[in-house]
All heavy atoms as atom14 arrays in JSON, in Angstrom:
{
  "sequence": "VASRSVRVLKYRGSGFSENEFPLIIADTGLKVSTFGTAALD",
  "atom14_mask": [
    [1, 1, 1, 1, 1, 1, 1, 0, 0, 0, 0, 0, 0, 0],
    [1, 1, 1, 1, 1, 0, 0, 0, 0, 0, 0, 0, 0, 0],
    [1, 1, 1, 1, 1, 1, 0, 0, 0, 0, 0, 0, 0, 0],
    [1, 1, 1, 1, 1, 1, 1, 1, 1, 1, 1, 0, 0, 0],
    [1, 1, 1, 1, 1, 1, 0, 0, 0, 0, 0, 0, 0, 0],
    [1, 1, 1, 1, 1, 1, 1, 0, 0, 0, 0, 0, 0, 0],
    [1, 1, 1, 1, 1, 1, 1, 1, 1, 1, 1, 0, 0, 0],
    [1, 1, 1, 1, 1, 1, 1, 0, 0, 0, 0, 0, 0, 0],
    [1, 1, 1, 1, 1, 1, 1, 1, 0, 0, 0, 0, 0, 0],
    [1, 1, 1, 1, 1, 1, 1, 1, 1, 0, 0, 0, 0, 0],
    [1, 1, 1, 1, 1, 1, 1, 1, 1, 1, 1, 1, 0, 0],
    [1, 1, 1, 1, 1, 1, 1, 1, 1, 1, 1, 0, 0, 0],
    [1, 1, 1, 1, 0, 0, 0, 0, 0, 0, 0, 0, 0, 0],
    [1, 1, 1, 1, 1, 1, 0, 0, 0, 0, 0, 0, 0, 0],
    [1, 1, 1, 1, 0, 0, 0, 0, 0, 0, 0, 0, 0, 0],
    [1, 1, 1, 1, 1, 1, 1, 1, 1, 1, 1, 0, 0, 0],
    [1, 1, 1, 1, 1, 1, 0, 0, 0, 0, 0, 0, 0, 0],
    [1, 1, 1, 1, 1, 1, 1, 1, 1, 0, 0, 0, 0, 0],
    [1, 1, 1, 1, 1, 1, 1, 1, 0, 0, 0, 0, 0, 0],
    [1, 1, 1, 1, 1, 1, 1, 1, 1, 0, 0, 0, 0, 0],
    [1, 1, 1, 1, 1, 1, 1, 1, 1, 1, 1, 0, 0, 0],
    [1, 1, 1, 1, 1, 1, 1, 0, 0, 0, 0, 0, 0, 0],
    [1, 1, 1, 1, 1, 1, 1, 1, 0, 0, 0, 0, 0, 0],
    [1, 1, 1, 1, 1, 1, 1, 1, 0, 0, 0, 0, 0, 0],
    [1, 1, 1, 1, 1, 1, 1, 1, 0, 0, 0, 0, 0, 0],
    [1, 1, 1, 1, 1, 0, 0, 0, 0, 0, 0, 0, 0, 0],
    [1, 1, 1, 1, 1, 1, 1, 1, 0, 0, 0, 0, 0, 0],
    [1, 1, 1, 1, 1, 1, 1, 0, 0, 0, 0, 0, 0, 0],
    [1, 1, 1, 1, 0, 0, 0, 0, 0, 0, 0, 0, 0, 0],
    [1, 1, 1, 1, 1, 1, 1, 1, 0, 0, 0, 0, 0, 0],
    [1, 1, 1, 1, 1, 1, 1, 1, 1, 0, 0, 0, 0, 0],
    [1, 1, 1, 1, 1, 1, 1, 0, 0, 0, 0, 0, 0, 0],
    [1, 1, 1, 1, 1, 1, 0, 0, 0, 0, 0, 0, 0, 0],
    [1, 1, 1, 1, 1, 1, 1, 0, 0, 0, 0, 0, 0, 0],
    [1, 1, 1, 1, 1, 1, 1, 1, 1, 1, 1, 0, 0, 0],
    [1, 1, 1, 1, 0, 0, 0, 0, 0, 0, 0, 0, 0, 0],
    [1, 1, 1, 1, 1, 1, 1, 0, 0, 0, 0, 0, 0, 0],
    [1, 1, 1, 1, 1, 0, 0, 0, 0, 0, 0, 0, 0, 0],
    [1, 1, 1, 1, 1, 0, 0, 0, 0, 0, 0, 0, 0, 0],
    [1, 1, 1, 1, 1, 1, 1, 1, 0, 0, 0, 0, 0, 0],
    [1, 1, 1, 1, 1, 1, 1, 1, 0, 0, 0, 0, 0, 0]
  ],
  "atom14_positions": [
    [[-10.61, -8.24, 15.6], [-9.98, -8.67, 14.34], [-8.76, -7.83, 14.13], [-8.86, -6.58, 14.05], [-10.93, -8.61, 13.16], [-10.24, -9.02, 11.89], [-12.15, -9.46, 13.41], [0.0, 0.0, 0.0], [0.0, 0.0, 0.0], [0.0, 0.0, 0.0], [0.0, 0.0, 0.0], [0.0, 0.0, 0.0], [0.0, 0.0, 0.0], [0.0, 0.0, 0.0]],
    [[-7.58, -8.46, 13.98], [-6.34, -7.69, 13.73], [-6.19, -7.4, 12.25], [-6.53, -8.19, 11.39], [-5.17, -8.56, 14.23], [0.0, 0.0, 0.0], [0.0, 0.0, 0.0], [0.0, 0.0, 0.0], [0.0, 0.0, 0.0], [0.0, 0.0, 0.0], [0.0, 0.0, 0.0], [0.0, 0.0, 0.0], [0.0, 0.0, 0.0], [0.0, 0.0, 0.0]],
    [[-5.64, -6.22, 12.02], [-5.36, -5.81, 10.62], [-4.05, -5.0, 10.59], [-3.79, -4.22, 11.53], [-6.5, -4.98, 10.06], [-6.71, -3.8, 10.84], [0.0, 0.0, 0.0], [0.0, 0.0, 0.0], [0.0, 0.0, 0.0], [0.0, 0.0, 0.0], [0.0, 0.0, 0.0], [0.0, 0.0, 0.0], [0.0, 0.0, 0.0], [0.0, 0.0, 0.0]],
    [[-3.29, -5.19, 9.56], [-2.04, -4.45, 9.34], [-2.22, -3.48, 8.21], [-2.98, -3.7, 7.3], [-0.91, -5.41, 9.02], [-0.5, -6.32, 10.17], [0.73, -7.18, 9.74], [1.21, -7.98, 10.83], [0.79, -9.23, 11.05], [-0.12, -9.78, 10.29], [1.29, -9.91, 12.09], [0.0, 0.0, 0.0], [0.0, 0.0, 0.0], [0.0, 0.0, 0.0]],
    [[-1.45, -2.38, 8.3], [-1.51, -1.36, 7.24], [-0.12, -0.76, 7.09], [0.74, -0.87, 7.97], [-2.5, -0.26, 7.58], [-2.11, 0.44, 8.77], [0.0, 0.0, 0.0], [0.0, 0.0, 0.0], [0.0, 0.0, 0.0], [0.0, 0.0, 0.0], [0.0, 0.0, 0.0], [0.0, 0.0, 0.0], [0.0, 0.0, 0.0], [0.0, 0.0, 0.0]],
    [[0.11, -0.12, 5.94], [1.37, 0.49, 5.61], [1.06, 1.85, 4.96], [0.11, 1.99, 4.2], [2.21, -0.38, 4.68], [1.48, -0.68, 3.39], [3.54, 0.29, 4.37], [0.0, 0.0, 0.0], [0.0, 0.0, 0.0], [0.0, 0.0, 0.0], [0.0, 0.0, 0.0], [0.0, 0.0, 0.0], [0.0, 0.0, 0.0], [0.0, 0.0, 0.0]],
    [[1.93, 2.83, 5.32], [1.76, 4.19, 4.77], [3.15, 4.82, 4.56], [4.03, 4.72, 5.45], [0.91, 5.03, 5.7], [0.71, 6.45, 5.19], [0.12, 7.35, 6.23], [-0.02, 8.73, 5.75], [-0.19, 9.76, 6.56], [-0.26, 9.6, 7.89], [-0.23, 10.98, 6.03], [0.0, 0.0, 0.0], [0.0, 0.0, 0.0], [0.0, 0.0, 0.0]],
    [[3.34, 5.44, 3.42], [4.57, 6.18, 3.16], [4.36, 7.61, 3.63], [3.55, 8.32, 3.1], [4.91, 6.13, 1.66], [6.19, 6.9, 1.38], [5.06, 4.71, 1.19], [0.0, 0.0, 0.0], [0.0, 0.0, 0.0], [0.0, 0.0, 0.0], [0.0, 0.0, 0.0], [0.0, 0.0, 0.0], [0.0, 0.0, 0.0], [0.0, 0.0, 0.0]],
    [[5.14, 7.99, 4.67], [5.03, 9.35, 5.21], [5.8, 10.37, 4.42], [5.34, 11.49, 4.25], [5.48, 9.36, 6.67], [4.74, 8.43, 7.62], [5.26, 8.57, 9.04], [3.24, 8.72, 7.61], [0.0, 0.0, 0.0], [0.0, 0.0, 0.0], [0.0, 0.0, 0.0], [0.0, 0.0, 0.0], [0.0, 0.0, 0.0], [0.0, 0.0, 0.0]],
    [[6.98, 9.99, 3.91], [7.78, 10.91, 3.1], [8.65, 10.1, 2.17], [9.03, 8.94, 2.48], [8.62, 11.83, 3.98], [9.68, 11.1, 4.82], [10.53, 12.04, 5.64], [11.58, 12.73, 4.81], [12.53, 13.47, 5.6], [0.0, 0.0, 0.0], [0.0, 0.0, 0.0], [0.0, 0.0, 0.0], [0.0, 0.0, 0.0], [0.0, 0.0, 0.0]],
    [[9.06, 10.69, 1.07], [9.99, 10.04, 0.14], [10.61, 11.15, -0.71], [10.0, 11.61, -1.69], [9.21, 9.04, -0.72], [10.14, 8.12, -1.5], [11.51, 8.09, -1.31], [9.6, 7.23, -2.44], [12.32, 7.27, -2.05], [10.39, 6.37, -3.17], [11.76, 6.4, -2.96], [12.58, 5.56, -3.67], [0.0, 0.0, 0.0], [0.0, 0.0, 0.0]],
    [[11.77, 11.57, -0.33], [12.43, 12.71, -0.99], [12.77, 12.37, -2.43], [13.26, 11.28, -2.72], [13.71, 13.09, -0.25], [13.47, 13.71, 1.1], [14.79, 13.9, 1.85], [14.58, 14.48, 3.16], [15.47, 14.4, 4.15], [16.62, 13.78, 3.96], [15.21, 14.97, 5.33], [0.0, 0.0, 0.0], [0.0, 0.0, 0.0], [0.0, 0.0, 0.0]],
    [[12.44, 13.31, -3.31], [12.81, 13.16, -4.7], [11.96, 12.2, -5.49], [12.34, 11.85, -6.62], [0.0, 0.0, 0.0], [0.0, 0.0, 0.0], [0.0, 0.0, 0.0], [0.0, 0.0, 0.0], [0.0, 0.0, 0.0], [0.0, 0.0, 0.0], [0.0, 0.0, 0.0], [0.0, 0.0, 0.0], [0.0, 0.0, 0.0], [0.0, 0.0, 0.0]],
    [[10.84, 11.8, -4.96], [10.01, 10.82, -5.66], [8.54, 11.1, -5.32], [8.19, 11.54, -4.21], [10.37, 9.39, -5.27], [9.45, 8.47, -5.84], [0.0, 0.0, 0.0], [0.0, 0.0, 0.0], [0.0, 0.0, 0.0], [0.0, 0.0, 0.0], [0.0, 0.0, 0.0], [0.0, 0.0, 0.0], [0.0, 0.0, 0.0], [0.0, 0.0, 0.0]],
    [[7.68, 10.82, -6.29], [6.27, 10.88, -6.03], [5.81, 9.62, -5.32], [6.36, 8.55, -5.52], [0.0, 0.0, 0.0], [0.0, 0.0, 0.0], [0.0, 0.0, 0.0], [0.0, 0.0, 0.0], [0.0, 0.0, 0.0], [0.0, 0.0, 0.0], [0.0, 0.0, 0.0], [0.0, 0.0, 0.0], [0.0, 0.0, 0.0], [0.0, 0.0, 0.0]],
    [[4.79, 9.72, -4.52], [4.27, 8.57, -3.8], [2.86, 8.83, -3.37], [2.39, 9.95, -3.29], [5.15, 8.26, -2.58], [5.17, 9.33, -1.54], [4.31, 9.31, -0.43], [6.05, 10.43, -1.67], [4.33, 10.31, 0.5], [6.09, 11.44, -0.71], [5.21, 11.39, 0.37], [0.0, 0.0, 0.0], [0.0, 0.0, 0.0], [0.0, 0.0, 0.0]],
    [[2.15, 7.73, -3.05], [0.8, 7.84, -2.53], [0.83, 8.04, -1.02], [1.53, 7.32, -0.3], [-0.01, 6.57, -2.88], [-1.28, 6.65, -2.32], [0.0, 0.0, 0.0], [0.0, 0.0, 0.0], [0.0, 0.0, 0.0], [0.0, 0.0, 0.0], [0.0, 0.0, 0.0], [0.0, 0.0, 0.0], [0.0, 0.0, 0.0], [0.0, 0.0, 0.0]],
    [[0.14, 8.99, -0.54], [0.11, 9.31, 0.89], [-0.93, 8.52, 1.63], [-1.02, 8.69, 2.9], [-0.12, 10.82, 1.07], [0.95, 11.7, 0.44], [0.66, 13.16, 0.63], [-0.42, 13.48, 1.15], [1.53, 14.0, 0.27], [0.0, 0.0, 0.0], [0.0, 0.0, 0.0], [0.0, 0.0, 0.0], [0.0, 0.0, 0.0], [0.0, 0.0, 0.0]],
    [[-1.76, 7.76, 0.94], [-2.81, 7.0, 1.61], [-2.26, 5.82, 2.37], [-1.12, 5.33, 2.17], [-3.81, 6.54, 0.61], [-4.53, 7.68, -0.08], [-4.69, 8.77, 0.49], [-4.93, 7.49, -1.35], [0.0, 0.0, 0.0], [0.0, 0.0, 0.0], [0.0, 0.0, 0.0], [0.0, 0.0, 0.0], [0.0, 0.0, 0.0], [0.0, 0.0, 0.0]],
    [[-3.1, 5.32, 3.24], [-2.76, 4.12, 4.03], [-3.38, 2.91, 3.32], [-4.51, 2.93, 2.91], [-3.33, 4.24, 5.44], [-3.03, 3.08, 6.34], [-3.62, 3.25, 7.74], [-3.12, 4.11, 8.48], [-4.59, 2.54, 8.06], [0.0, 0.0, 0.0], [0.0, 0.0, 0.0], [0.0, 0.0, 0.0], [0.0, 0.0, 0.0], [0.0, 0.0, 0.0]],
    [[-2.57, 1.87, 3.17], [-2.99, 0.68, 2.44], [-2.89, -0.54, 3.34], [-1.97, -0.66, 4.14], [-2.16, 0.47, 1.22], [-2.31, 1.54, 0.21], [-1.41, 2.58, 0.14], [-3.33, 1.53, -0.73], [-1.54, 3.6, -0.77], [-3.5, 2.53, -1.66], [-2.58, 3.58, -1.68], [0.0, 0.0, 0.0], [0.0, 0.0, 0.0], [0.0, 0.0, 0.0]],
    [[-3.84, -1.49, 3.19], [-3.8, -2.72, 3.98], [-2.59, -3.58, 3.63], [-2.19, -3.58, 2.45], [-5.12, -3.39, 3.63], [-5.99, -2.34, 3.07], [-5.09, -1.37, 2.4], [0.0, 0.0, 0.0], [0.0, 0.0, 0.0], [0.0, 0.0, 0.0], [0.0, 0.0, 0.0], [0.0, 0.0, 0.0], [0.0, 0.0, 0.0], [0.0, 0.0, 0.0]],
    [[-2.11, -4.29, 4.59], [-0.93, -5.15, 4.4], [-1.21, -6.48, 5.11], [-1.71, -6.51, 6.23], [0.29, -4.5, 5.01], [1.54, -5.37, 5.17], [2.2, -5.63, 3.82], [2.54, -4.72, 6.09], [0.0, 0.0, 0.0], [0.0, 0.0, 0.0], [0.0, 0.0, 0.0], [0.0, 0.0, 0.0], [0.0, 0.0, 0.0], [0.0, 0.0, 0.0]],
    [[-0.9, -7.58, 4.44], [-1.02, -8.9, 5.06], [0.27, -9.64, 4.8], [1.01, -9.38, 3.87], [-2.22, -9.7, 4.5], [-2.02, -10.05, 3.03], [-3.52, -8.93, 4.7], [-3.01, -11.03, 2.52], [0.0, 0.0, 0.0], [0.0, 0.0, 0.0], [0.0, 0.0, 0.0], [0.0, 0.0, 0.0], [0.0, 0.0, 0.0], [0.0, 0.0, 0.0]],
    [[0.52, -10.6, 5.7], [1.67, -11.49, 5.55], [1.09, -12.84, 5.11], [0.49, -13.58, 5.91], [2.44, -11.63, 6.87], [2.92, -10.27, 7.31], [3.62, -12.56, 6.69], [3.59, -10.26, 8.7], [0.0, 0.0, 0.0], [0.0, 0.0, 0.0], [0.0, 0.0, 0.0], [0.0, 0.0, 0.0], [0.0, 0.0, 0.0], [0.0, 0.0, 0.0]],
    [[1.31, -13.19, 3.8], [0.78, -14.41, 3.23], [1.88, -15.43, 3.08], [3.07, -15.16, 3.34], [0.13, -14.14, 1.91], [0.0, 0.0, 0.0], [0.0, 0.0, 0.0], [0.0, 0.0, 0.0], [0.0, 0.0, 0.0], [0.0, 0.0, 0.0], [0.0, 0.0, 0.0], [0.0, 0.0, 0.0], [0.0, 0.0, 0.0], [0.0, 0.0, 0.0]],
    [[1.49, -16.63, 2.64], [2.51, -17.67, 2.46], [3.39, -17.4, 1.28], [4.46, -18.01, 1.13], [1.82, -19.04, 2.27], [0.76, -19.0, 1.14], [0.57, -17.92, 0.58], [0.13, -20.06, 0.9], [0.0, 0.0, 0.0], [0.0, 0.0, 0.0], [0.0, 0.0, 0.0], [0.0, 0.0, 0.0], [0.0, 0.0, 0.0], [0.0, 0.0, 0.0]],
    [[3.02, -16.41, 0.47], [3.87, -16.06, -0.67], [4.59, -14.74, -0.41], [5.26, -14.22, -1.33], [3.01, -15.91, -1.95], [1.96, -14.95, -1.69], [2.39, -17.23, -2.34], [0.0, 0.0, 0.0], [0.0, 0.0, 0.0], [0.0, 0.0, 0.0], [0.0, 0.0, 0.0], [0.0, 0.0, 0.0], [0.0, 0.0, 0.0], [0.0, 0.0, 0.0]],
    [[4.51, -14.21, 0.78], [5.22, -12.97, 1.09], [4.27, -11.9, 1.6], [3.12, -12.13, 1.98], [0.0, 0.0, 0.0], [0.0, 0.0, 0.0], [0.0, 0.0, 0.0], [0.0, 0.0, 0.0], [0.0, 0.0, 0.0], [0.0, 0.0, 0.0], [0.0, 0.0, 0.0], [0.0, 0.0, 0.0], [0.0, 0.0, 0.0], [0.0, 0.0, 0.0]],
    [[4.77, -10.66, 1.54], [3.96, -9.5, 1.95], [3.08, -9.08, 0.75], [3.52, -9.04, -0.37], [4.89, -8.34, 2.3], [5.75, -8.53, 3.55], [6.66, -7.27, 3.76], [4.91, -8.76, 4.8], [0.0, 0.0, 0.0], [0.0, 0.0, 0.0], [0.0, 0.0, 0.0], [0.0, 0.0, 0.0], [0.0, 0.0, 0.0], [0.0, 0.0, 0.0]],
    [[1.85, -8.79, 1.1], [0.87, -8.39, 0.08], [0.26, -7.05, 0.5], [-0.24, -6.9, 1.6], [-0.27, -9.4, -0.08], [0.21, -10.77, -0.49], [0.72, -10.81, -1.93], [1.1, -12.18, -2.38], [1.6, -12.2, -3.76], [0.0, 0.0, 0.0], [0.0, 0.0, 0.0], [0.0, 0.0, 0.0], [0.0, 0.0, 0.0], [0.0, 0.0, 0.0]],
    [[0.37, -6.07, -0.39], [-0.21, -4.76, -0.13], [-1.37, -4.58, -1.11], [-1.18, -4.75, -2.33], [0.83, -3.62, -0.34], [0.16, -2.27, -0.1], [1.99, -3.83, 0.62], [0.0, 0.0, 0.0], [0.0, 0.0, 0.0], [0.0, 0.0, 0.0], [0.0, 0.0, 0.0], [0.0, 0.0, 0.0], [0.0, 0.0, 0.0], [0.0, 0.0, 0.0]],
    [[-2.55, -4.25, -0.61], [-3.71, -4.11, -1.44], [-3.88, -2.66, -1.85], [-4.01, -1.76, -1.01], [-4.97, -4.58, -0.69], [-4.9, -5.93, -0.34], [0.0, 0.0, 0.0], [0.0, 0.0, 0.0], [0.0, 0.0, 0.0], [0.0, 0.0, 0.0], [0.0, 0.0, 0.0], [0.0, 0.0, 0.0], [0.0, 0.0, 0.0], [0.0, 0.0, 0.0]],
    [[-3.88, -2.42, -3.14], [-4.11, -1.12, -3.7], [-5.13, -1.19, -4.82], [-5.49, -2.27, -5.26], [-2.8, -0.51, -4.26], [-2.39, -1.28, -5.4], [-1.69, -0.53, -3.19], [0.0, 0.0, 0.0], [0.0, 0.0, 0.0], [0.0, 0.0, 0.0], [0.0, 0.0, 0.0], [0.0, 0.0, 0.0], [0.0, 0.0, 0.0], [0.0, 0.0, 0.0]],
    [[-5.59, -0.05, -5.27], [-6.53, 0.01, -6.4], [-5.78, -0.02, -7.71], [-6.44, -0.1, -8.78], [-7.36, 1.3, -6.33], [-8.5, 1.18, -5.4], [-8.47, 1.76, -4.15], [-9.67, 0.54, -5.82], [-9.58, 1.66, -3.31], [-10.75, 0.45, -4.96], [-10.7, 1.01, -3.67], [0.0, 0.0, 0.0], [0.0, 0.0, 0.0], [0.0, 0.0, 0.0]],
    [[-4.49, 0.02, -7.7], [-3.72, 0.08, -8.98], [-3.69, 1.47, -9.48], [-3.6, 2.45, -8.73], [0.0, 0.0, 0.0], [0.0, 0.0, 0.0], [0.0, 0.0, 0.0], [0.0, 0.0, 0.0], [0.0, 0.0, 0.0], [0.0, 0.0, 0.0], [0.0, 0.0, 0.0], [0.0, 0.0, 0.0], [0.0, 0.0, 0.0], [0.0, 0.0, 0.0]],
    [[-3.81, 1.63, -10.79], [-3.77, 2.98, -11.38], [-5.03, 3.73, -11.05], [-6.09, 3.18, -10.8], [-3.59, 2.84, -12.91], [-4.71, 2.14, -13.44], [-2.31, 2.11, -13.25], [0.0, 0.0, 0.0], [0.0, 0.0, 0.0], [0.0, 0.0, 0.0], [0.0, 0.0, 0.0], [0.0, 0.0, 0.0], [0.0, 0.0, 0.0], [0.0, 0.0, 0.0]],
    [[-4.92, 5.05, -11.11], [-6.06, 5.92, -10.86], [-7.11, 5.86, -11.96], [-8.29, 6.08, -11.71], [-5.61, 7.35, -10.6], [0.0, 0.0, 0.0], [0.0, 0.0, 0.0], [0.0, 0.0, 0.0], [0.0, 0.0, 0.0], [0.0, 0.0, 0.0], [0.0, 0.0, 0.0], [0.0, 0.0, 0.0], [0.0, 0.0, 0.0], [0.0, 0.0, 0.0]],
    [[-6.66, 5.58, -13.17], [-7.59, 5.58, -14.29], [-8.42, 4.32, -14.26], [-7.95, 3.23, -13.95], [-6.81, 5.69, -15.6], [0.0, 0.0, 0.0], [0.0, 0.0, 0.0], [0.0, 0.0, 0.0], [0.0, 0.0, 0.0], [0.0, 0.0, 0.0], [0.0, 0.0, 0.0], [0.0, 0.0, 0.0], [0.0, 0.0, 0.0], [0.0, 0.0, 0.0]],
    [[-9.7, 4.45, -14.61], [-10.62, 3.32, -14.72], [-10.65, 2.86, -16.21], [-11.02, 3.62, -17.06], [-12.01, 3.7, -14.26], [-12.18, 3.92, -12.76], [-13.58, 4.45, -12.44], [-11.93, 2.67, -12.0], [0.0, 0.0, 0.0], [0.0, 0.0, 0.0], [0.0, 0.0, 0.0], [0.0, 0.0, 0.0], [0.0, 0.0, 0.0], [0.0, 0.0, 0.0]],
    [[-10.3, 1.6, -16.39], [-10.24, 1.08, -17.75], [-10.76, -0.39, -17.74], [-10.0, -1.33, -17.69], [-8.83, 1.15, -18.3], [-8.82, 0.74, -19.76], [-9.87, 0.74, -20.38], [-7.7, 0.45, -20.3], [0.0, 0.0, 0.0], [0.0, 0.0, 0.0], [0.0, 0.0, 0.0], [0.0, 0.0, 0.0], [0.0, 0.0, 0.0], [0.0, 0.0, 0.0]]
  ]
}
């Protein structure tokens, strides 16, 4: 089963998530799956 992922290795002057996130190419464009905000509400 094929799977795509995306990860930001560096980003000068900006905060970013260092984790790897799944990526798919859908009929509506690129979709990156994340948990959203860290806070649970």
